C-alpha atoms as a PDB file:
ATOM      1  CA  MET A   1      44.451 101.941-106.408  1.00  0.00           C
ATOM      2  CA  SER A   2      46.554 103.127-109.364  1.00  0.00           C
ATOM      3  CA  ASP A   3      48.546 106.250-109.075  1.00  0.00           C
ATOM      4  CA  LEU A   4      47.497 107.166-112.605  1.00  0.00           C
ATOM      5  CA  ALA A   5      43.798 107.391-111.695  1.00  0.00           C
ATOM      6  CA  THR A   6      42.052 110.812-111.447  1.00  0.00           C
ATOM      7  CA  GLU A   7      40.923 111.598-107.949  1.00  0.00           C
ATOM      8  CA  LEU A   8      38.192 114.129-107.113  1.00  0.00           C
ATOM      9  CA  GLU A   9      37.168 115.427-103.720  1.00  0.00           C
ATOM     10  CA  CYS A  10      33.886 117.138-103.041  1.00  0.00           C
ATOM     11  CA  ASP A  11      34.263 120.731-101.862  1.00  0.00           C
ATOM     12  CA  GLU A  12      31.351 120.488 -99.451  1.00  0.00           C
ATOM     13  CA  CYS A  13      31.341 116.985 -98.029  1.00  0.00           C
ATOM     14  CA  GLY A  14      34.983 115.847 -98.566  1.00  0.00           C
ATOM     15  CA  ASP A  15      34.027 112.544-100.311  1.00  0.00           C
ATOM     16  CA  VAL A  16      36.656 111.185-102.603  1.00  0.00           C
ATOM     17  CA  ALA A  17      35.915 109.426-105.894  1.00  0.00           C
ATOM     18  CA  VAL A  18      38.509 107.852-108.212  1.00  0.00           C
ATOM     19  CA  GLU A  19      38.154 107.539-111.989  1.00  0.00           C
ATOM     20  CA  LYS A  20      39.866 104.442-113.263  1.00  0.00           C
ATOM     21  CA  ALA A  21      41.352 104.223-116.714  1.00  0.00           C
ATOM     22  CA  ASP A  22      38.169 102.806-118.243  1.00  0.00           C
ATOM     23  CA  GLY A  23      36.103 105.880-117.074  1.00  0.00           C
ATOM     24  CA  ILE A  24      34.351 104.077-114.194  1.00  0.00           C
ATOM     25  CA  TRP A  25      34.226 106.041-110.912  1.00  0.00           C
ATOM     26  CA  THR A  26      34.772 104.084-107.628  1.00  0.00           C
ATOM     27  CA  ASP A  27      35.631 104.586-103.962  1.00  0.00           C
ATOM     28  CA  GLY A  28      37.609 101.327-103.919  1.00  0.00           C
ATOM     29  CA  GLU A  29      34.581  99.150-103.190  1.00  0.00           C
ATOM     30  CA  LEU A  30      31.472 100.502-104.933  1.00  0.00           C
ATOM     31  CA  VAL A  31      31.109 101.621-108.523  1.00  0.00           C
ATOM     32  CA  MET A  32      29.683 105.102-108.210  1.00  0.00           C
ATOM     33  CA  TYR A  33      28.982 108.290-110.067  1.00  0.00           C
ATOM     34  CA  PRO A  34      30.881 111.519-109.368  1.00  0.00           C
ATOM     35  CA  CYS A  35      29.372 113.704-106.631  1.00  0.00           C
ATOM     36  CA  VAL A  36      26.850 116.215-107.931  1.00  0.00           C
ATOM     37  CA  ARG A  37      28.432 118.858-105.825  1.00  0.00           C
ATOM     38  CA  PRO A  38      31.419 120.777-107.068  1.00  0.00           C
ATOM     39  CA  MET A  39      34.555 118.545-106.942  1.00  0.00           C
ATOM     40  CA  ARG A  40      38.256 119.442-107.030  1.00  0.00           C
ATOM     41  CA  GLN A  41      41.167 117.339-108.034  1.00  0.00           C
ATOM     42  CA  THR A  42      43.158 115.941-105.076  1.00  0.00           C
ATOM     43  CA  THR A  43      46.183 113.688-104.563  1.00  0.00           C
ATOM     44  CA  ARG A  44      44.988 111.643-101.654  1.00  0.00           C
ATOM     45  CA  VAL A  45      42.675 108.714-101.499  1.00  0.00           C
ATOM     46  CA  ASP A  46      40.724 108.051 -98.233  1.00  0.00           C
ATOM     47  CA  THR A  47      38.489 104.913 -98.727  1.00  0.00           C
ATOM     48  CA  SER A  48      37.360 105.053 -95.097  1.00  0.00           C
ATOM     49  CA  ARG A  49      34.992 107.943 -95.884  1.00  0.00           C
ATOM     50  CA  LYS A  50      31.372 107.302 -97.013  1.00  0.00           C
ATOM     51  CA  THR A  51      30.545 108.078-100.613  1.00  0.00           C
ATOM     52  CA  HIS A  52      27.341 109.382-102.130  1.00  0.00           C
ATOM     53  CA  ALA A  53      26.695 105.898-103.480  1.00  0.00           C
ATOM     54  CA  LYS A  54      25.993 104.778 -99.902  1.00  0.00           C
ATOM     55  CA  ARG A  55      24.148 107.802 -98.663  1.00  0.00           C
ATOM     56  CA  THR A  56      20.354 108.037 -98.829  1.00  0.00           C
ATOM     57  CA  GLY A  57      19.958 111.418-100.524  1.00  0.00           C
ATOM     58  CA  ARG A  58      17.292 114.119-100.163  1.00  0.00           C
ATOM     59  CA  PRO A  59      14.016 113.493 -98.458  1.00  0.00           C
ATOM     60  CA  CYS A  60      11.123 112.025-100.424  1.00  0.00           C
ATOM     61  CA  ARG A  61       8.749 114.652-101.697  1.00  0.00           C
ATOM     62  CA  LYS A  62       5.682 112.776-100.367  1.00  0.00           C
ATOM     63  CA  CYS A  63       6.612 111.350 -96.918  1.00  0.00           C
ATOM     64  CA  GLY A  64      10.027 112.722 -96.121  1.00  0.00           C
ATOM     65  CA  GLY A  65      11.721 109.229 -96.097  1.00  0.00           C
ATOM     66  CA  THR A  66      15.315 109.105 -97.212  1.00  0.00           C
ATOM     67  CA  GLU A  67      15.779 105.449 -98.315  1.00  0.00           C
ATOM     68  CA  ARG A  68      15.604 105.999-102.114  1.00  0.00           C
ATOM     69  CA  TYR A  69      16.205 104.365-105.472  1.00  0.00           C
ATOM     70  CA  GLY A  70      18.912 105.952-107.696  1.00  0.00           C
ATOM     71  CA  GLY A  71      17.639 109.234-109.071  1.00  0.00           C
ATOM     72  CA  SER A  72      14.010 108.760-107.982  1.00  0.00           C
ATOM     73  CA  TYR A  73      12.078 111.601-106.377  1.00  0.00           C
ATOM     74  CA  SER A  74      10.249 109.219-104.126  1.00  0.00           C
ATOM     75  CA  CYS A  75      11.478 106.990-101.321  1.00  0.00           C
ATOM     76  CA  VAL A  76      11.327 103.166-101.664  1.00  0.00           C
ATOM     77  CA  ARG A  77       8.128 102.801 -99.695  1.00  0.00           C
ATOM     78  CA  CYS A  78       6.226 105.473-101.700  1.00  0.00           C
ATOM     79  CA  THR A  79       7.537 104.066-104.971  1.00  0.00           C
ATOM     80  CA  ASN A  80       6.362 100.579-104.045  1.00  0.00           C
ATOM     81  CA  GLU A  81       2.946 101.804-102.880  1.00  0.00           C
ATOM     82  CA  ARG A  82       2.421 103.852-106.191  1.00  0.00           C
ATOM     83  CA  SER A  83       3.535 100.795-108.206  1.00  0.00           C
ATOM     84  CA  ALA A  84       1.180  98.400-106.321  1.00  0.00           C
ATOM     85  CA  ALA A  85      -1.786 100.840-106.774  1.00  0.00           C
ATOM     86  CA  ARG A  86      -1.092 101.127-110.514  1.00  0.00           C
ATOM     87  CA  LYS A  87      -0.736  97.366-111.046  1.00  0.00           C
ATOM     88  CA  GLY A  88      -4.032  96.659-109.222  1.00  0.00           C
ATOM     89  CA  THR A  89      -6.102  98.524-111.723  1.00  0.00           C
ATOM     90  CA  PRO A  90      -8.149  96.555-114.300  1.00  0.00           C
ATOM     91  CA  GLU A  91      -6.749  98.640-117.127  1.00  0.00           C
ATOM     92  CA  TYR A  92      -3.157  97.674-116.138  1.00  0.00           C
ATOM     93  CA  LYS A  93      -4.037  94.031-115.903  1.00  0.00           C
ATOM     94  CA  ARG A  94      -5.703  94.045-119.295  1.00  0.00           C
ATOM     95  CA  THR A  95      -2.809  95.902-120.887  1.00  0.00           C
ATOM     96  CA  ALA A  96      -0.257  93.483-119.207  1.00  0.00           C
ATOM     97  CA  LYS A  97      -2.165  90.403-120.476  1.00  0.00           C
ATOM     98  CA  VAL A  98      -2.339  91.802-124.072  1.00  0.00           C
ATOM     99  CA  TYR A  99       1.395  92.547-123.921  1.00  0.00           C
ATOM    100  CA  TRP A 100       2.146  89.083-122.558  1.00  0.00           C
ATOM    101  CA  MET A 101       0.046  87.296-125.179  1.00  0.00           C
ATOM    102  CA  ARG A 102       1.660  89.303-127.957  1.00  0.00           C
ATOM    103  CA  ARG A 103       5.211  88.802-126.690  1.00  0.00           C
ATOM    104  CA  ARG A 104       5.010  85.149-125.674  1.00  0.00           C
ATOM    105  CA  TYR A 105       2.781  83.688-128.357  1.00  0.00           C
ATOM    106  CA  GLY A 106       2.600  86.417-131.031  1.00  0.00           C
ATOM    107  CA  VAL A 107      -1.289  86.606-130.845  1.00  0.00           C
ATOM    108  CA  THR A 108      -3.839  89.282-130.067  1.00  0.00           C
ATOM    109  CA  PRO A 109      -6.825  88.960-127.773  1.00  0.00           C
ATOM    110  CA  GLU A 110      -9.055  89.019-130.945  1.00  0.00           C
ATOM    111  CA  GLN A 111      -7.089  86.009-132.409  1.00  0.00           C
ATOM    112  CA  VAL A 112      -7.541  84.146-129.051  1.00  0.00           C
ATOM    113  CA  LEU A 113     -11.346  84.849-129.144  1.00  0.00           C
ATOM    114  CA  ALA A 114     -11.438  83.639-132.749  1.00  0.00           C
ATOM    115  CA  MET A 115      -9.656  80.386-131.692  1.00  0.00           C
ATOM    116  CA  LEU A 116     -12.173  79.951-128.831  1.00  0.00           C
ATOM    117  CA  ALA A 117     -15.059  80.600-131.170  1.00  0.00           C
ATOM    118  CA  GLY A 118     -13.684  78.058-133.524  1.00  0.00           C
ATOM    119  CA  GLN A 119     -13.846  75.537-130.647  1.00  0.00           C
ATOM    120  CA  GLY A 120     -17.486  76.434-130.087  1.00  0.00           C
ATOM    121  CA  GLY A 121     -16.663  78.553-127.022  1.00  0.00           C
ATOM    122  CA  ARG A 122     -15.489  75.549-125.095  1.00  0.00           C
ATOM    123  CA  CYS A 123     -12.283  74.002-123.742  1.00  0.00           C
ATOM    124  CA  GLY A 124     -10.366  72.383-126.562  1.00  0.00           C
ATOM    125  CA  CYS A 125      -9.692  69.285-124.328  1.00  0.00           C
ATOM    126  CA  CYS A 126     -12.671  68.521-122.124  1.00  0.00           C
ATOM    127  CA  GLY A 127     -15.377  70.744-123.669  1.00  0.00           C
ATOM    128  CA  ALA A 128     -16.048  72.783-120.509  1.00  0.00           C
ATOM    129  CA  ALA A 129     -17.926  76.018-121.193  1.00  0.00           C
ATOM    130  CA  GLU A 130     -16.273  77.952-118.357  1.00  0.00           C
ATOM    131  CA  PRO A 131     -12.571  78.727-117.985  1.00  0.00           C
ATOM    132  CA  GLY A 132     -12.392  77.414-114.431  1.00  0.00           C
ATOM    133  CA  ASN A 133     -10.538  80.294-112.851  1.00  0.00           C
ATOM    134  CA  LYS A 134     -10.659  84.022-112.372  1.00  0.00           C
ATOM    135  CA  ASN A 135      -7.967  84.793-114.969  1.00  0.00           C
ATOM    136  CA  GLY A 136      -9.922  83.403-117.897  1.00  0.00           C
ATOM    137  CA  TRP A 137      -9.019  80.855-120.564  1.00  0.00           C
ATOM    138  CA  CYS A 138      -5.504  79.370-120.890  1.00  0.00           C
ATOM    139  CA  LEU A 139      -3.425  79.222-124.059  1.00  0.00           C
ATOM    140  CA  ASP A 140      -2.048  75.672-124.523  1.00  0.00           C
ATOM    141  CA  HIS A 141       1.216  75.496-126.392  1.00  0.00           C
ATOM    142  CA  ASP A 142       3.817  72.936-127.382  1.00  0.00           C
ATOM    143  CA  HIS A 143       6.743  73.446-125.019  1.00  0.00           C
ATOM    144  CA  ALA A 144       9.206  72.066-127.590  1.00  0.00           C
ATOM    145  CA  THR A 145       8.225  74.330-130.500  1.00  0.00           C
ATOM    146  CA  GLY A 146       6.329  77.148-128.695  1.00  0.00           C
ATOM    147  CA  ARG A 147       3.399  76.722-131.204  1.00  0.00           C
ATOM    148  CA  LEU A 148      -0.116  77.409-129.916  1.00  0.00           C
ATOM    149  CA  ARG A 149      -2.372  74.388-129.864  1.00  0.00           C
ATOM    150  CA  SER A 150      -5.674  75.390-128.399  1.00  0.00           C
ATOM    151  CA  VAL A 151      -7.537  77.329-125.746  1.00  0.00           C
ATOM    152  CA  LEU A 152      -8.092  75.274-122.587  1.00  0.00           C
ATOM    153  CA  CYS A 153      -9.841  75.609-119.219  1.00  0.00           C
ATOM    154  CA  HIS A 154      -7.615  75.984-116.277  1.00  0.00           C
ATOM    155  CA  GLY A 155      -8.039  72.338-115.085  1.00  0.00           C
ATOM    156  CA  CYS A 156      -6.931  70.847-118.440  1.00  0.00           C
ATOM    157  CA  ASN A 157      -4.022  73.252-118.794  1.00  0.00           C
ATOM    158  CA  VAL A 158      -2.682  72.379-115.323  1.00  0.00           C
ATOM    159  CA  GLY A 159      -3.297  68.656-115.927  1.00  0.00           C
ATOM    160  CA  LEU A 160      -1.434  68.558-119.220  1.00  0.00           C
ATOM    161  CA  GLY A 161       1.394  70.469-117.615  1.00  0.00           C
ATOM    162  CA  ALA A 162       1.561  68.024-114.704  1.00  0.00           C
ATOM    163  CA  PHE A 163       1.861  65.180-117.139  1.00  0.00           C
ATOM    164  CA  ARG A 164       4.601  67.197-118.990  1.00  0.00           C
ATOM    165  CA  ASP A 165       2.581  67.055-122.265  1.00  0.00           C
ATOM    166  CA  SER A 166       3.384  63.341-122.571  1.00  0.00           C
ATOM    167  CA  PRO A 167       0.735  61.117-124.272  1.00  0.00           C
ATOM    168  CA  GLU A 168       2.375  58.017-122.676  1.00  0.00           C
ATOM    169  CA  ARG A 169       2.003  59.452-119.167  1.00  0.00           C
ATOM    170  CA  LEU A 170      -1.639  60.361-119.882  1.00  0.00           C
ATOM    171  CA  THR A 171      -2.312  56.831-121.140  1.00  0.00           C
ATOM    172  CA  GLN A 172      -0.739  55.401-118.022  1.00  0.00           C
ATOM    173  CA  ALA A 173      -2.819  57.704-115.830  1.00  0.00           C
ATOM    174  CA  ALA A 174      -6.030  56.708-117.664  1.00  0.00           C
ATOM    175  CA  ALA A 175      -5.079  53.025-117.164  1.00  0.00           C
ATOM    176  CA  TYR A 176      -4.417  53.601-113.540  1.00  0.00           C
ATOM    177  CA  LEU A 177      -7.798  55.302-113.026  1.00  0.00           C
ATOM    178  CA  LYS A 178      -9.627  52.514-114.836  1.00  0.00           C
ATOM    179  CA  LYS A 179      -7.893  49.948-112.718  1.00  0.00           C
ATOM    180  CA  TRP A 180      -8.990  51.515-109.463  1.00  0.00           C
ATOM    181  CA  SER A 181     -12.413  52.416-110.591  1.00  0.00           C
ATOM    182  CA  GLU A 182     -13.534  48.757-111.154  1.00  0.00           C
END
């Protein structure tokens, strides 16, 4: 390490951190933040000691576990359990779907329902009255332009995707089926 770097040593634990010229703190291997405990300037560098970047931190408020994310108050296990419980709620799923439709296609659920009503409440490809899966109707779009084409049932959406939206491939598949159905 450079002799020009600022070195700080924790008064309580003895860990050493070095501030490089660009303001990044490191122990020689990991980028880290300075210790939250009081630190004093020192002239030695001991990279064999552990740094707070590698330590687990205070116990979790909920279960007492010490494997934690950054500045989180919960351990990894409790954070994952809380996240899974939140993501399993119908409200979260509805909100996530609305966000996804708006971000990916620029449409609202009301606009999708209007598209479906304009198709008579049926699949725009095969005319099925049911979406065919638990997630509801699928938004078909042109992969080259990103433009929405229609609202499809799950089977038609997967089928068009399998044929890579190619009319030639679909024509060949139809000819193949006719050949073997005779």
